[in-house]
Amino acid sequence: MDFKAWAATWLKTAGCNEIWHEIEEQDGKITKFTVHQSVWRHGELNRLRHQLYQVALYDEDMKVTRVVNIETSDSKETLEVEELVGQDAAAAYHINYKNFGFGKFRFDDKSLAAFAGNLSKIEDALSRKQVYNIMYDMLKENYISGAQVLDICKSQLVQETAVDVLTDVMRSVIPVVIKNYIPLENYEQSHKEIFELFL
């Protein structure tokens, strides 16, 4: 690896990149898997960066069936992951699995819908926490609504068993969602529902 080139993009510039997947499926198979990245609006001299992250494929029971390395480029906004073409489509795709990448990552719509009903089934507590944090980040960037995040929290936290996940979501996510991203007329009802959930 060219260390000078790496330093120029990671140490001499500020900010991060937004990264998301566009996935096409047909007859239960992946026909196209495209990685998109763009320069986030914040950061001095912000630019695209070369980095490595992972995507995990979950089955209907939220079990990991495959983990693939994704390598971005500091000069291309899109790339095709040929390795996944022809493979079985996943119930959900966990972008930046294990949190090795640095950026603003976004879930695709199919994965978001799967997490809404099955997030608590993911075996790894760190992965569950990361899903909540990515959704929270998507909320702040207006890619998902506060009501949607709150509904997922209410339905999935009931079955959450990890204290650190509960603590993180209860302290850092839910209060901000209710205060800043829920219509004022729903404020009192939202607090009541979360209080009953905690009890």
C-alpha atoms as a PDB file:
ATOM      1  CA  MET A   1       0.000   0.000   0.000  1.00  0.00           C
ATOM      2  CA  ASP A   2       1.162   3.512  -0.839  1.00  0.00           C
ATOM      3  CA  PHE A   3       1.415   5.061   2.623  1.00  0.00           C
ATOM      4  CA  LYS A   4       1.854   8.611   1.287  1.00  0.00           C
ATOM      5  CA  ALA A   5      -1.333   8.291  -0.745  1.00  0.00           C
ATOM      6  CA  TRP A   6      -3.173   6.893   2.284  1.00  0.00           C
ATOM      7  CA  ALA A   7      -1.923   9.735   4.495  1.00  0.00           C
ATOM      8  CA  ALA A   8      -2.965  12.313   1.919  1.00  0.00           C
ATOM      9  CA  THR A   9      -6.579  11.134   1.985  1.00  0.00           C
ATOM     10  CA  TRP A  10      -6.986  10.080   5.612  1.00  0.00           C
ATOM     11  CA  LEU A  11      -4.700  12.394   7.606  1.00  0.00           C
ATOM     12  CA  LYS A  12      -4.609  15.603   5.576  1.00  0.00           C
ATOM     13  CA  THR A  13      -8.356  15.875   4.948  1.00  0.00           C
ATOM     14  CA  ALA A  14     -11.367  15.963   7.255  1.00  0.00           C
ATOM     15  CA  GLY A  15     -14.819  14.404   7.116  1.00  0.00           C
ATOM     16  CA  CYS A  16     -15.962  11.063   5.768  1.00  0.00           C
ATOM     17  CA  ASN A  17     -17.806   9.430   2.876  1.00  0.00           C
ATOM     18  CA  GLU A  18     -21.430   8.326   2.593  1.00  0.00           C
ATOM     19  CA  ILE A  19     -21.640   4.680   1.485  1.00  0.00           C
ATOM     20  CA  TRP A  20     -24.689   2.658   0.479  1.00  0.00           C
ATOM     21  CA  HIS A  21     -25.630  -0.383  -1.610  1.00  0.00           C
ATOM     22  CA  GLU A  22     -27.957  -0.777  -4.568  1.00  0.00           C
ATOM     23  CA  ILE A  23     -28.981  -4.414  -4.857  1.00  0.00           C
ATOM     24  CA  GLU A  24     -30.975  -6.063  -7.642  1.00  0.00           C
ATOM     25  CA  GLU A  25     -32.499  -9.512  -7.186  1.00  0.00           C
ATOM     26  CA  GLN A  26     -34.451 -11.908  -9.348  1.00  0.00           C
ATOM     27  CA  ASP A  27     -35.836 -15.389  -8.622  1.00  0.00           C
ATOM     28  CA  GLY A  28     -34.077 -15.491  -5.261  1.00  0.00           C
ATOM     29  CA  LYS A  29     -30.658 -14.627  -6.696  1.00  0.00           C
ATOM     30  CA  ILE A  30     -28.536 -11.485  -6.651  1.00  0.00           C
ATOM     31  CA  THR A  31     -28.270 -10.112 -10.181  1.00  0.00           C
ATOM     32  CA  LYS A  32     -26.402  -6.907  -9.381  1.00  0.00           C
ATOM     33  CA  PHE A  33     -24.671  -5.516  -6.300  1.00  0.00           C
ATOM     34  CA  THR A  34     -23.484  -1.925  -6.620  1.00  0.00           C
ATOM     35  CA  VAL A  35     -21.566   0.039  -4.000  1.00  0.00           C
ATOM     36  CA  HIS A  36     -22.095   3.795  -4.079  1.00  0.00           C
ATOM     37  CA  GLN A  37     -20.088   6.389  -2.217  1.00  0.00           C
ATOM     38  CA  SER A  38     -20.131  10.151  -2.148  1.00  0.00           C
ATOM     39  CA  VAL A  39     -18.352  12.915  -0.281  1.00  0.00           C
ATOM     40  CA  TRP A  40     -20.208  13.908   2.867  1.00  0.00           C
ATOM     41  CA  ARG A  41     -21.030  17.602   2.947  1.00  0.00           C
ATOM     42  CA  HIS A  42     -18.939  18.281   6.085  1.00  0.00           C
ATOM     43  CA  GLY A  43     -15.161  18.235   6.393  1.00  0.00           C
ATOM     44  CA  GLU A  44     -12.316  20.423   5.170  1.00  0.00           C
ATOM     45  CA  LEU A  45     -10.956  19.199   1.805  1.00  0.00           C
ATOM     46  CA  ASN A  46     -13.228  16.180   2.123  1.00  0.00           C
ATOM     47  CA  ARG A  47     -12.809  13.614  -0.661  1.00  0.00           C
ATOM     48  CA  LEU A  48     -13.354   9.974  -1.567  1.00  0.00           C
ATOM     49  CA  ARG A  49     -11.188   7.488   0.296  1.00  0.00           C
ATOM     50  CA  HIS A  50      -9.805   4.009  -0.196  1.00  0.00           C
ATOM     51  CA  GLN A  51     -10.908   1.669   2.574  1.00  0.00           C
ATOM     52  CA  LEU A  52     -11.995  -1.875   3.334  1.00  0.00           C
ATOM     53  CA  TYR A  53     -15.232  -2.841   5.074  1.00  0.00           C
ATOM     54  CA  GLN A  54     -17.453  -5.904   5.197  1.00  0.00           C
ATOM     55  CA  VAL A  55     -21.051  -6.744   4.345  1.00  0.00           C
ATOM     56  CA  ALA A  56     -22.798  -9.684   6.005  1.00  0.00           C
ATOM     57  CA  LEU A  57     -25.706 -11.532   4.430  1.00  0.00           C
ATOM     58  CA  TYR A  58     -28.466 -12.716   6.791  1.00  0.00           C
ATOM     59  CA  ASP A  59     -31.028 -15.452   6.194  1.00  0.00           C
ATOM     60  CA  GLU A  60     -34.665 -15.304   7.352  1.00  0.00           C
ATOM     61  CA  ASP A  61     -33.599 -16.227  10.898  1.00  0.00           C
ATOM     62  CA  MET A  62     -30.988 -13.454  10.945  1.00  0.00           C
ATOM     63  CA  LYS A  63     -28.130 -15.939  10.819  1.00  0.00           C
ATOM     64  CA  VAL A  64     -25.016 -14.840   8.913  1.00  0.00           C
ATOM     65  CA  THR A  65     -24.668 -16.924   5.763  1.00  0.00           C
ATOM     66  CA  ARG A  66     -21.811 -15.071   4.123  1.00  0.00           C
ATOM     67  CA  VAL A  67     -19.394 -12.210   4.779  1.00  0.00           C
ATOM     68  CA  VAL A  68     -17.839 -10.321   1.867  1.00  0.00           C
ATOM     69  CA  ASN A  69     -15.028  -7.771   1.856  1.00  0.00           C
ATOM     70  CA  ILE A  70     -15.771  -4.513   0.047  1.00  0.00           C
ATOM     71  CA  GLU A  71     -12.888  -2.290  -1.046  1.00  0.00           C
ATOM     72  CA  THR A  72     -13.720   1.264  -2.037  1.00  0.00           C
ATOM     73  CA  SER A  73     -11.663   3.506  -4.291  1.00  0.00           C
ATOM     74  CA  ASP A  74     -10.447   7.050  -3.741  1.00  0.00           C
ATOM     75  CA  SER A  75     -11.271   7.889  -7.357  1.00  0.00           C
ATOM     76  CA  LYS A  76     -14.557   6.073  -8.155  1.00  0.00           C
ATOM     77  CA  GLU A  77     -18.020   6.734  -6.789  1.00  0.00           C
ATOM     78  CA  THR A  78     -19.431   3.349  -7.808  1.00  0.00           C
ATOM     79  CA  LEU A  79     -18.159  -0.217  -8.038  1.00  0.00           C
ATOM     80  CA  GLU A  80     -19.721  -3.577  -8.807  1.00  0.00           C
ATOM     81  CA  VAL A  81     -19.274  -6.561  -6.475  1.00  0.00           C
ATOM     82  CA  GLU A  82     -19.124  -9.376  -9.016  1.00  0.00           C
ATOM     83  CA  GLU A  83     -18.476 -11.923  -6.271  1.00  0.00           C
ATOM     84  CA  LEU A  84     -22.108 -11.702  -5.173  1.00  0.00           C
ATOM     85  CA  VAL A  85     -23.747 -11.933  -8.595  1.00  0.00           C
ATOM     86  CA  GLY A  86     -25.561 -15.250  -8.894  1.00  0.00           C
ATOM     87  CA  GLN A  87     -25.478 -15.906  -5.145  1.00  0.00           C
ATOM     88  CA  ASP A  88     -28.628 -16.479  -3.073  1.00  0.00           C
ATOM     89  CA  ALA A  89     -30.366 -13.243  -2.163  1.00  0.00           C
ATOM     90  CA  ALA A  90     -30.237 -12.396   1.536  1.00  0.00           C
ATOM     91  CA  ALA A  91     -33.112 -11.498   3.814  1.00  0.00           C
ATOM     92  CA  ALA A  92     -30.986  -8.522   4.915  1.00  0.00           C
ATOM     93  CA  TYR A  93     -27.590  -7.044   4.076  1.00  0.00           C
ATOM     94  CA  HIS A  94     -25.584  -5.668   6.999  1.00  0.00           C
ATOM     95  CA  ILE A  95     -23.432  -2.892   5.591  1.00  0.00           C
ATOM     96  CA  ASN A  96     -20.157  -2.263   7.465  1.00  0.00           C
ATOM     97  CA  TYR A  97     -20.501  -5.501   9.416  1.00  0.00           C
ATOM     98  CA  LYS A  98     -18.318  -5.519  12.563  1.00  0.00           C
ATOM     99  CA  ASN A  99     -17.783  -1.765  12.110  1.00  0.00           C
ATOM    100  CA  PHE A 100     -14.412  -1.959  10.325  1.00  0.00           C
ATOM    101  CA  GLY A 101     -15.201   0.901   7.935  1.00  0.00           C
ATOM    102  CA  PHE A 102     -15.338   4.625   8.665  1.00  0.00           C
ATOM    103  CA  GLY A 103     -18.126   6.632   7.083  1.00  0.00           C
ATOM    104  CA  LYS A 104     -21.827   7.396   6.943  1.00  0.00           C
ATOM    105  CA  PHE A 105     -23.286   4.005   6.051  1.00  0.00           C
ATOM    106  CA  ARG A 106     -26.909   3.489   4.956  1.00  0.00           C
ATOM    107  CA  PHE A 107     -29.085   0.377   4.841  1.00  0.00           C
ATOM    108  CA  ASP A 108     -31.018  -0.498   1.700  1.00  0.00           C
ATOM    109  CA  ASP A 109     -34.824  -0.555   1.986  1.00  0.00           C
ATOM    110  CA  LYS A 110     -35.108  -4.357   2.022  1.00  0.00           C
ATOM    111  CA  SER A 111     -32.631  -4.708   4.877  1.00  0.00           C
ATOM    112  CA  LEU A 112     -34.297  -1.926   6.843  1.00  0.00           C
ATOM    113  CA  ALA A 113     -37.660  -3.677   6.548  1.00  0.00           C
ATOM    114  CA  ALA A 114     -36.108  -6.959   7.692  1.00  0.00           C
ATOM    115  CA  PHE A 115     -34.485  -5.326  10.722  1.00  0.00           C
ATOM    116  CA  ALA A 116     -37.793  -3.697  11.634  1.00  0.00           C
ATOM    117  CA  GLY A 117     -39.278  -7.110  12.347  1.00  0.00           C
ATOM    118  CA  ASN A 118     -36.259  -9.256  13.162  1.00  0.00           C
ATOM    119  CA  LEU A 119     -33.439  -7.120  14.556  1.00  0.00           C
ATOM    120  CA  SER A 120     -33.615  -8.844  17.937  1.00  0.00           C
ATOM    121  CA  LYS A 121     -32.877 -12.217  16.278  1.00  0.00           C
ATOM    122  CA  ILE A 122     -29.313 -11.215  15.357  1.00  0.00           C
ATOM    123  CA  GLU A 123     -27.081 -13.274  17.634  1.00  0.00           C
ATOM    124  CA  ASP A 124     -24.200 -10.822  18.019  1.00  0.00           C
ATOM    125  CA  ALA A 125     -25.007  -7.984  20.447  1.00  0.00           C
ATOM    126  CA  LEU A 126     -22.429  -5.677  18.882  1.00  0.00           C
ATOM    127  CA  SER A 127     -24.115  -6.105  15.506  1.00  0.00           C
ATOM    128  CA  ARG A 128     -27.523  -5.296  16.984  1.00  0.00           C
ATOM    129  CA  LYS A 129     -26.133  -2.146  18.584  1.00  0.00           C
ATOM    130  CA  GLN A 130     -24.523  -1.148  15.310  1.00  0.00           C
ATOM    131  CA  VAL A 131     -27.806  -1.554  13.423  1.00  0.00           C
ATOM    132  CA  TYR A 132     -29.505   0.810  15.883  1.00  0.00           C
ATOM    133  CA  ASN A 133     -26.656   3.317  15.515  1.00  0.00           C
ATOM    134  CA  ILE A 134     -26.724   3.219  11.708  1.00  0.00           C
ATOM    135  CA  MET A 135     -30.486   3.799  11.754  1.00  0.00           C
ATOM    136  CA  TYR A 136     -29.946   6.711  14.142  1.00  0.00           C
ATOM    137  CA  ASP A 137     -27.351   8.148  11.771  1.00  0.00           C
ATOM    138  CA  MET A 138     -29.748   7.693   8.838  1.00  0.00           C
ATOM    139  CA  LEU A 139     -32.373   9.581  10.839  1.00  0.00           C
ATOM    140  CA  LYS A 140     -30.049  12.543  11.369  1.00  0.00           C
ATOM    141  CA  GLU A 141     -29.379  12.623   7.624  1.00  0.00           C
ATOM    142  CA  ASN A 142     -33.146  12.450   6.826  1.00  0.00           C
ATOM    143  CA  TYR A 143     -33.050   9.016   5.179  1.00  0.00           C
ATOM    144  CA  ILE A 144     -35.488   7.539   7.707  1.00  0.00           C
ATOM    145  CA  SER A 145     -38.224   9.081   9.855  1.00  0.00           C
ATOM    146  CA  GLY A 146     -38.247   9.434  13.617  1.00  0.00           C
ATOM    147  CA  ALA A 147     -41.514   7.488  13.789  1.00  0.00           C
ATOM    148  CA  GLN A 148     -39.922   4.607  11.905  1.00  0.00           C
ATOM    149  CA  VAL A 149     -36.914   4.466  14.232  1.00  0.00           C
ATOM    150  CA  LEU A 150     -39.140   4.665  17.307  1.00  0.00           C
ATOM    151  CA  ASP A 151     -41.419   1.889  16.035  1.00  0.00           C
ATOM    152  CA  ILE A 152     -38.419  -0.395  15.474  1.00  0.00           C
ATOM    153  CA  CYS A 153     -37.096   0.364  18.955  1.00  0.00           C
ATOM    154  CA  LYS A 154     -40.474  -0.370  20.555  1.00  0.00           C
ATOM    155  CA  SER A 155     -40.961  -3.662  18.727  1.00  0.00           C
ATOM    156  CA  GLN A 156     -37.404  -5.005  19.027  1.00  0.00           C
ATOM    157  CA  LEU A 157     -36.183  -3.809  22.437  1.00  0.00           C
ATOM    158  CA  VAL A 158     -38.852  -5.925  24.142  1.00  0.00           C
ATOM    159  CA  GLN A 159     -36.760  -8.969  23.268  1.00  0.00           C
ATOM    160  CA  GLU A 160     -33.335  -7.388  23.767  1.00  0.00           C
ATOM    161  CA  THR A 161     -31.139  -9.223  26.317  1.00  0.00           C
ATOM    162  CA  ALA A 162     -27.839  -7.307  26.196  1.00  0.00           C
ATOM    163  CA  VAL A 163     -27.557  -4.580  28.817  1.00  0.00           C
ATOM    164  CA  ASP A 164     -25.113  -2.506  26.741  1.00  0.00           C
ATOM    165  CA  VAL A 165     -27.487  -2.478  23.760  1.00  0.00           C
ATOM    166  CA  LEU A 166     -30.433  -1.455  25.939  1.00  0.00           C
ATOM    167  CA  THR A 167     -28.362   1.220  27.682  1.00  0.00           C
ATOM    168  CA  ASP A 168     -27.036   2.652  24.426  1.00  0.00           C
ATOM    169  CA  VAL A 169     -30.447   2.865  22.752  1.00  0.00           C
ATOM    170  CA  MET A 170     -32.290   4.096  25.860  1.00  0.00           C
ATOM    171  CA  ARG A 171     -29.754   6.809  26.670  1.00  0.00           C
ATOM    172  CA  SER A 172     -28.532   7.943  23.272  1.00  0.00           C
ATOM    173  CA  VAL A 173     -31.152   7.138  20.641  1.00  0.00           C
ATOM    174  CA  ILE A 174     -34.695   7.203  22.008  1.00  0.00           C
ATOM    175  CA  PRO A 175     -34.536  10.535  23.946  1.00  0.00           C
ATOM    176  CA  VAL A 176     -33.143  12.382  20.919  1.00  0.00           C
ATOM    177  CA  VAL A 177     -35.664  10.770  18.556  1.00  0.00           C
ATOM    178  CA  ILE A 178     -38.617  11.807  20.716  1.00  0.00           C
ATOM    179  CA  LYS A 179     -37.287  15.288  21.429  1.00  0.00           C
ATOM    180  CA  ASN A 180     -36.186  16.245  17.912  1.00  0.00           C
ATOM    181  CA  TYR A 181     -37.806  13.949  15.351  1.00  0.00           C
ATOM    182  CA  ILE A 182     -41.352  13.251  16.562  1.00  0.00           C
ATOM    183  CA  PRO A 183     -44.239  15.717  15.925  1.00  0.00           C
ATOM    184  CA  LEU A 184     -44.999  17.779  19.005  1.00  0.00           C
ATOM    185  CA  GLU A 185     -48.576  16.484  19.182  1.00  0.00           C
ATOM    186  CA  ASN A 186     -47.203  12.937  19.613  1.00  0.00           C
ATOM    187  CA  TYR A 187     -44.610  13.899  22.219  1.00  0.00           C
ATOM    188  CA  GLU A 188     -46.574  12.959  25.333  1.00  0.00           C
ATOM    189  CA  GLN A 189     -47.914   9.712  23.873  1.00  0.00           C
ATOM    190  CA  SER A 190     -44.446   8.670  22.699  1.00  0.00           C
ATOM    191  CA  HIS A 191     -42.999   9.223  26.187  1.00  0.00           C
ATOM    192  CA  LYS A 192     -45.835   7.206  27.719  1.00  0.00           C
ATOM    193  CA  GLU A 193     -45.308   4.289  25.344  1.00  0.00           C
ATOM    194  CA  ILE A 194     -41.551   4.197  25.970  1.00  0.00           C
ATOM    195  CA  PHE A 195     -42.092   4.398  29.742  1.00  0.00           C
ATOM    196  CA  GLU A 196     -44.459   1.424  29.602  1.00  0.00           C
ATOM    197  CA  LEU A 197     -41.980  -0.418  27.410  1.00  0.00           C
ATOM    198  CA  PHE A 198     -39.187   0.116  29.940  1.00  0.00           C
ATOM    199  CA  LEU A 199     -41.421  -1.110  32.790  1.00  0.00           C
END
